[in-house]
Amino acid sequence: MTDSIDVKTNWLDPQTLNDVRGQVPLVYVDAVPVRVNDMGEVTHVGMLLRQAPDGSISRTVVSGRVLLGERIREAILRHLEKDLGPLALPRVPLEPAPFTVVEYFPDPSISGFHDPRHHAVSLAYVVPVSGDCQPTQQALDLGWFTPTQATSEQMVKEMTSGHDRLVRLALASVGQLP
């Protein structure tokens, strides 16, 4: 078993990960990147255009696994850098507190959050970024949307996995839900 654990890169080899996914929920983080004005109010929400776990191309927030031995803050920063680039300059508190906990299930009717691969429990955060964000190879595009645009019917149609609901919850948690 020790040959299949790599805590610095993939955590588990692909076959072991598939076996684990079928038996236990995995811990994830979801990060909703935002731009804020001088008063600390959210002015824009950053959403990636990428291939979702179900194979569709859709708008999503930053999301990914927490690795064995990794602190939550480190996981948030790692995924933000991976998706937004090293110059995003996220402002993550030393002891981040999630605005909600999301449960993803293979069956979308259970919670409204869907991941066809497994059951995952995700801690969700709103993260202000102030730097130059450039989508990396993991994403096709990065768009910045006002709260009204981010919750519009058109944007809801572009999102899968329940991320439209997650964006609304994120905006509500900071008092910016239109």
C-alpha atoms as a PDB file:
ATOM      1  CA  MET A   1       0.000   0.000   0.000  1.00  0.00           C
ATOM      2  CA  THR A   2       2.837   2.449   0.690  1.00  0.00           C
ATOM      3  CA  ASP A   3       3.876   2.260  -2.966  1.00  0.00           C
ATOM      4  CA  SER A   4       0.513   3.731  -4.010  1.00  0.00           C
ATOM      5  CA  ILE A   5       0.563   6.773  -1.701  1.00  0.00           C
ATOM      6  CA  ASP A   6       2.223   9.962  -2.944  1.00  0.00           C
ATOM      7  CA  VAL A   7       1.337  12.826  -0.612  1.00  0.00           C
ATOM      8  CA  LYS A   8       3.144  15.479  -2.667  1.00  0.00           C
ATOM      9  CA  THR A   9       1.426  14.958  -6.040  1.00  0.00           C
ATOM     10  CA  ASN A  10      -1.558  12.741  -6.721  1.00  0.00           C
ATOM     11  CA  TRP A  11      -2.161  11.305  -3.255  1.00  0.00           C
ATOM     12  CA  LEU A  12      -3.239   7.904  -4.602  1.00  0.00           C
ATOM     13  CA  ASP A  13      -2.525   6.207  -7.889  1.00  0.00           C
ATOM     14  CA  PRO A  14      -5.535   6.267 -10.281  1.00  0.00           C
ATOM     15  CA  GLN A  15      -6.631   2.664  -9.622  1.00  0.00           C
ATOM     16  CA  THR A  16      -6.471   3.005  -5.846  1.00  0.00           C
ATOM     17  CA  LEU A  17      -8.299   6.341  -6.051  1.00  0.00           C
ATOM     18  CA  ASN A  18     -11.104   4.724  -8.069  1.00  0.00           C
ATOM     19  CA  ASP A  19     -11.338   1.940  -5.476  1.00  0.00           C
ATOM     20  CA  VAL A  20     -11.488   4.464  -2.602  1.00  0.00           C
ATOM     21  CA  ARG A  21     -14.062   6.629  -4.415  1.00  0.00           C
ATOM     22  CA  GLY A  22     -16.426   3.672  -4.418  1.00  0.00           C
ATOM     23  CA  GLN A  23     -16.115   3.135  -0.666  1.00  0.00           C
ATOM     24  CA  VAL A  24     -15.671   6.431   1.212  1.00  0.00           C
ATOM     25  CA  PRO A  25     -16.460  10.111   0.666  1.00  0.00           C
ATOM     26  CA  LEU A  26     -13.483  12.290  -0.254  1.00  0.00           C
ATOM     27  CA  VAL A  27     -12.724  15.724   1.197  1.00  0.00           C
ATOM     28  CA  TYR A  28     -12.694  18.608  -1.285  1.00  0.00           C
ATOM     29  CA  VAL A  29     -12.555  22.392  -1.228  1.00  0.00           C
ATOM     30  CA  ASP A  30     -14.593  24.727  -3.415  1.00  0.00           C
ATOM     31  CA  ALA A  31     -13.291  28.285  -3.765  1.00  0.00           C
ATOM     32  CA  VAL A  32     -15.402  31.042  -5.296  1.00  0.00           C
ATOM     33  CA  PRO A  33     -12.895  33.692  -6.420  1.00  0.00           C
ATOM     34  CA  VAL A  34     -14.170  37.254  -6.141  1.00  0.00           C
ATOM     35  CA  ARG A  35     -13.011  40.807  -6.776  1.00  0.00           C
ATOM     36  CA  VAL A  36     -13.972  43.343  -4.119  1.00  0.00           C
ATOM     37  CA  ASN A  37     -14.134  47.151  -4.081  1.00  0.00           C
ATOM     38  CA  ASP A  38     -12.568  49.469  -1.493  1.00  0.00           C
ATOM     39  CA  MET A  39     -15.536  48.871   0.829  1.00  0.00           C
ATOM     40  CA  GLY A  40     -14.991  45.090   0.715  1.00  0.00           C
ATOM     41  CA  GLU A  41     -18.135  44.479  -1.364  1.00  0.00           C
ATOM     42  CA  VAL A  42     -18.030  41.806  -4.042  1.00  0.00           C
ATOM     43  CA  THR A  43     -18.039  43.403  -7.482  1.00  0.00           C
ATOM     44  CA  HIS A  44     -17.230  40.353  -9.629  1.00  0.00           C
ATOM     45  CA  VAL A  45     -17.249  36.579  -9.374  1.00  0.00           C
ATOM     46  CA  GLY A  46     -14.632  34.559 -11.236  1.00  0.00           C
ATOM     47  CA  MET A  47     -15.808  31.419 -12.997  1.00  0.00           C
ATOM     48  CA  LEU A  48     -13.822  28.971 -15.029  1.00  0.00           C
ATOM     49  CA  LEU A  49     -14.909  27.395 -18.281  1.00  0.00           C
ATOM     50  CA  ARG A  50     -13.764  23.787 -18.174  1.00  0.00           C
ATOM     51  CA  GLN A  51     -14.729  20.204 -18.747  1.00  0.00           C
ATOM     52  CA  ALA A  52     -16.854  19.043 -15.801  1.00  0.00           C
ATOM     53  CA  PRO A  53     -16.673  15.528 -14.296  1.00  0.00           C
ATOM     54  CA  ASP A  54     -19.747  14.573 -16.339  1.00  0.00           C
ATOM     55  CA  GLY A  55     -17.861  15.435 -19.555  1.00  0.00           C
ATOM     56  CA  SER A  56     -19.770  18.614 -20.345  1.00  0.00           C
ATOM     57  CA  ILE A  57     -18.153  22.009 -20.919  1.00  0.00           C
ATOM     58  CA  SER A  58     -19.475  24.352 -18.271  1.00  0.00           C
ATOM     59  CA  ARG A  59     -18.770  27.244 -15.924  1.00  0.00           C
ATOM     60  CA  THR A  60     -17.439  26.148 -12.550  1.00  0.00           C
ATOM     61  CA  VAL A  61     -15.749  27.496  -9.461  1.00  0.00           C
ATOM     62  CA  VAL A  62     -12.284  26.427  -8.344  1.00  0.00           C
ATOM     63  CA  SER A  63     -12.528  22.961  -6.838  1.00  0.00           C
ATOM     64  CA  GLY A  64     -10.341  20.027  -5.884  1.00  0.00           C
ATOM     65  CA  ARG A  65      -9.282  17.376  -3.388  1.00  0.00           C
ATOM     66  CA  VAL A  66      -7.539  17.920  -0.100  1.00  0.00           C
ATOM     67  CA  LEU A  67      -4.392  15.790  -0.062  1.00  0.00           C
ATOM     68  CA  LEU A  68      -3.293  13.562   2.798  1.00  0.00           C
ATOM     69  CA  GLY A  69      -1.398  15.683   5.324  1.00  0.00           C
ATOM     70  CA  GLU A  70      -2.431  18.943   3.671  1.00  0.00           C
ATOM     71  CA  ARG A  71      -4.046  21.766   5.625  1.00  0.00           C
ATOM     72  CA  ILE A  72      -7.302  23.171   4.224  1.00  0.00           C
ATOM     73  CA  ARG A  73      -5.688  26.570   3.632  1.00  0.00           C
ATOM     74  CA  GLU A  74      -2.889  24.929   1.640  1.00  0.00           C
ATOM     75  CA  ALA A  75      -5.430  23.045  -0.482  1.00  0.00           C
ATOM     76  CA  ILE A  76      -7.351  26.257  -1.230  1.00  0.00           C
ATOM     77  CA  LEU A  77      -4.166  28.079  -2.229  1.00  0.00           C
ATOM     78  CA  ARG A  78      -2.919  25.138  -4.325  1.00  0.00           C
ATOM     79  CA  HIS A  79      -6.156  24.879  -6.301  1.00  0.00           C
ATOM     80  CA  LEU A  80      -6.431  28.651  -6.787  1.00  0.00           C
ATOM     81  CA  GLU A  81      -2.870  28.791  -8.118  1.00  0.00           C
ATOM     82  CA  LYS A  82      -3.446  25.726 -10.302  1.00  0.00           C
ATOM     83  CA  ASP A  83      -6.579  27.224 -11.887  1.00  0.00           C
ATOM     84  CA  LEU A  84      -6.001  31.005 -11.763  1.00  0.00           C
ATOM     85  CA  GLY A  85      -2.228  31.132 -12.106  1.00  0.00           C
ATOM     86  CA  PRO A  86       0.546  32.060  -9.682  1.00  0.00           C
ATOM     87  CA  LEU A  87      -0.193  35.807  -9.821  1.00  0.00           C
ATOM     88  CA  ALA A  88      -3.821  35.646  -8.624  1.00  0.00           C
ATOM     89  CA  LEU A  89      -2.799  36.848  -5.137  1.00  0.00           C
ATOM     90  CA  PRO A  90      -5.659  35.238  -3.173  1.00  0.00           C
ATOM     91  CA  ARG A  91      -6.356  36.501   0.331  1.00  0.00           C
ATOM     92  CA  VAL A  92      -7.034  33.373   2.362  1.00  0.00           C
ATOM     93  CA  PRO A  93      -7.173  33.838   6.151  1.00  0.00           C
ATOM     94  CA  LEU A  94      -4.737  31.862   8.298  1.00  0.00           C
ATOM     95  CA  GLU A  95      -7.672  29.876   9.707  1.00  0.00           C
ATOM     96  CA  PRO A  96     -10.297  29.879   6.919  1.00  0.00           C
ATOM     97  CA  ALA A  97     -13.912  29.127   7.810  1.00  0.00           C
ATOM     98  CA  PRO A  98     -16.233  27.781   5.094  1.00  0.00           C
ATOM     99  CA  PHE A  99     -19.471  29.575   4.300  1.00  0.00           C
ATOM    100  CA  THR A 100     -21.101  26.176   3.705  1.00  0.00           C
ATOM    101  CA  VAL A 101     -20.433  22.459   3.381  1.00  0.00           C
ATOM    102  CA  VAL A 102     -21.433  20.884   0.092  1.00  0.00           C
ATOM    103  CA  GLU A 103     -22.122  17.184  -0.434  1.00  0.00           C
ATOM    104  CA  TYR A 104     -21.633  15.932  -3.986  1.00  0.00           C
ATOM    105  CA  PHE A 105     -23.244  12.615  -4.925  1.00  0.00           C
ATOM    106  CA  PRO A 106     -23.303  10.469  -8.075  1.00  0.00           C
ATOM    107  CA  ASP A 107     -27.116  10.796  -7.921  1.00  0.00           C
ATOM    108  CA  PRO A 108     -27.986  14.497  -8.524  1.00  0.00           C
ATOM    109  CA  SER A 109     -31.389  14.146  -6.835  1.00  0.00           C
ATOM    110  CA  ILE A 110     -29.876  13.609  -3.363  1.00  0.00           C
ATOM    111  CA  SER A 111     -28.479  17.089  -2.655  1.00  0.00           C
ATOM    112  CA  GLY A 112     -28.584  19.019  -5.926  1.00  0.00           C
ATOM    113  CA  PHE A 113     -24.789  18.853  -6.073  1.00  0.00           C
ATOM    114  CA  HIS A 114     -23.533  16.244  -8.496  1.00  0.00           C
ATOM    115  CA  ASP A 115     -20.266  14.465  -9.221  1.00  0.00           C
ATOM    116  CA  PRO A 116     -20.703  11.275 -11.250  1.00  0.00           C
ATOM    117  CA  ARG A 117     -17.403   9.872  -9.925  1.00  0.00           C
ATOM    118  CA  HIS A 118     -18.124   9.660  -6.207  1.00  0.00           C
ATOM    119  CA  HIS A 119     -19.516  11.004  -2.954  1.00  0.00           C
ATOM    120  CA  ALA A 120     -17.450  14.033  -1.879  1.00  0.00           C
ATOM    121  CA  VAL A 121     -17.770  16.438   1.016  1.00  0.00           C
ATOM    122  CA  SER A 122     -16.537  19.908   0.109  1.00  0.00           C
ATOM    123  CA  LEU A 123     -15.822  22.891   2.309  1.00  0.00           C
ATOM    124  CA  ALA A 124     -16.771  26.032   0.356  1.00  0.00           C
ATOM    125  CA  TYR A 125     -15.042  29.419   0.628  1.00  0.00           C
ATOM    126  CA  VAL A 126     -15.358  32.891  -0.872  1.00  0.00           C
ATOM    127  CA  VAL A 127     -11.807  34.042  -1.659  1.00  0.00           C
ATOM    128  CA  PRO A 128     -10.919  37.594  -2.713  1.00  0.00           C
ATOM    129  CA  VAL A 129      -8.177  37.743  -5.336  1.00  0.00           C
ATOM    130  CA  SER A 130      -6.372  40.932  -6.260  1.00  0.00           C
ATOM    131  CA  GLY A 131      -3.743  39.909  -8.782  1.00  0.00           C
ATOM    132  CA  ASP A 132      -3.604  39.108 -12.455  1.00  0.00           C
ATOM    133  CA  CYS A 133      -5.565  35.906 -12.960  1.00  0.00           C
ATOM    134  CA  GLN A 134      -4.788  33.839 -16.026  1.00  0.00           C
ATOM    135  CA  PRO A 135      -6.499  30.480 -16.492  1.00  0.00           C
ATOM    136  CA  THR A 136      -4.010  27.671 -16.615  1.00  0.00           C
ATOM    137  CA  GLN A 137      -4.056  24.508 -18.688  1.00  0.00           C
ATOM    138  CA  GLN A 138      -6.768  23.073 -16.445  1.00  0.00           C
ATOM    139  CA  ALA A 139      -9.316  25.652 -17.671  1.00  0.00           C
ATOM    140  CA  LEU A 140     -10.438  26.800 -21.098  1.00  0.00           C
ATOM    141  CA  ASP A 141     -11.263  30.323 -19.940  1.00  0.00           C
ATOM    142  CA  LEU A 142     -11.789  32.510 -16.883  1.00  0.00           C
ATOM    143  CA  GLY A 143     -14.596  35.049 -16.870  1.00  0.00           C
ATOM    144  CA  TRP A 144     -15.401  37.762 -14.327  1.00  0.00           C
ATOM    145  CA  PHE A 145     -19.104  38.439 -13.816  1.00  0.00           C
ATOM    146  CA  THR A 146     -21.033  40.907 -11.703  1.00  0.00           C
ATOM    147  CA  PRO A 147     -23.230  39.300  -9.036  1.00  0.00           C
ATOM    148  CA  THR A 148     -26.264  39.941 -11.258  1.00  0.00           C
ATOM    149  CA  GLN A 149     -24.585  38.318 -14.278  1.00  0.00           C
ATOM    150  CA  ALA A 150     -23.278  35.405 -12.182  1.00  0.00           C
ATOM    151  CA  THR A 151     -26.795  34.520 -11.010  1.00  0.00           C
ATOM    152  CA  SER A 152     -28.586  35.161 -14.308  1.00  0.00           C
ATOM    153  CA  GLU A 153     -30.634  32.484 -16.073  1.00  0.00           C
ATOM    154  CA  GLN A 154     -28.047  32.401 -18.869  1.00  0.00           C
ATOM    155  CA  MET A 155     -25.245  31.652 -16.403  1.00  0.00           C
ATOM    156  CA  VAL A 156     -27.342  28.991 -14.646  1.00  0.00           C
ATOM    157  CA  LYS A 157     -27.615  27.231 -18.027  1.00  0.00           C
ATOM    158  CA  GLU A 158     -23.812  27.303 -18.392  1.00  0.00           C
ATOM    159  CA  MET A 159     -23.140  25.623 -15.021  1.00  0.00           C
ATOM    160  CA  THR A 160     -23.373  21.989 -13.964  1.00  0.00           C
ATOM    161  CA  SER A 161     -22.871  19.986 -10.779  1.00  0.00           C
ATOM    162  CA  GLY A 162     -24.867  22.492  -8.684  1.00  0.00           C
ATOM    163  CA  HIS A 163     -22.277  25.262  -9.022  1.00  0.00           C
ATOM    164  CA  ASP A 164     -25.015  27.773  -9.903  1.00  0.00           C
ATOM    165  CA  ARG A 165     -26.478  27.138  -6.458  1.00  0.00           C
ATOM    166  CA  LEU A 166     -23.021  27.324  -4.878  1.00  0.00           C
ATOM    167  CA  VAL A 167     -22.417  30.767  -6.429  1.00  0.00           C
ATOM    168  CA  ARG A 168     -25.767  31.995  -5.081  1.00  0.00           C
ATOM    169  CA  LEU A 169     -24.906  30.648  -1.610  1.00  0.00           C
ATOM    170  CA  ALA A 170     -21.477  32.332  -1.799  1.00  0.00           C
ATOM    171  CA  LEU A 171     -22.974  35.700  -2.742  1.00  0.00           C
ATOM    172  CA  ALA A 172     -25.637  35.390  -0.044  1.00  0.00           C
ATOM    173  CA  SER A 173     -22.938  34.644   2.548  1.00  0.00           C
ATOM    174  CA  VAL A 174     -21.297  38.025   1.830  1.00  0.00           C
ATOM    175  CA  GLY A 175     -24.572  39.963   1.491  1.00  0.00           C
ATOM    176  CA  GLN A 176     -24.309  40.386  -2.292  1.00  0.00           C
ATOM    177  CA  LEU A 177     -27.046  38.116  -3.667  1.00  0.00           C
ATOM    178  CA  PRO A 178     -29.027  40.216  -6.181  1.00  0.00           C
END
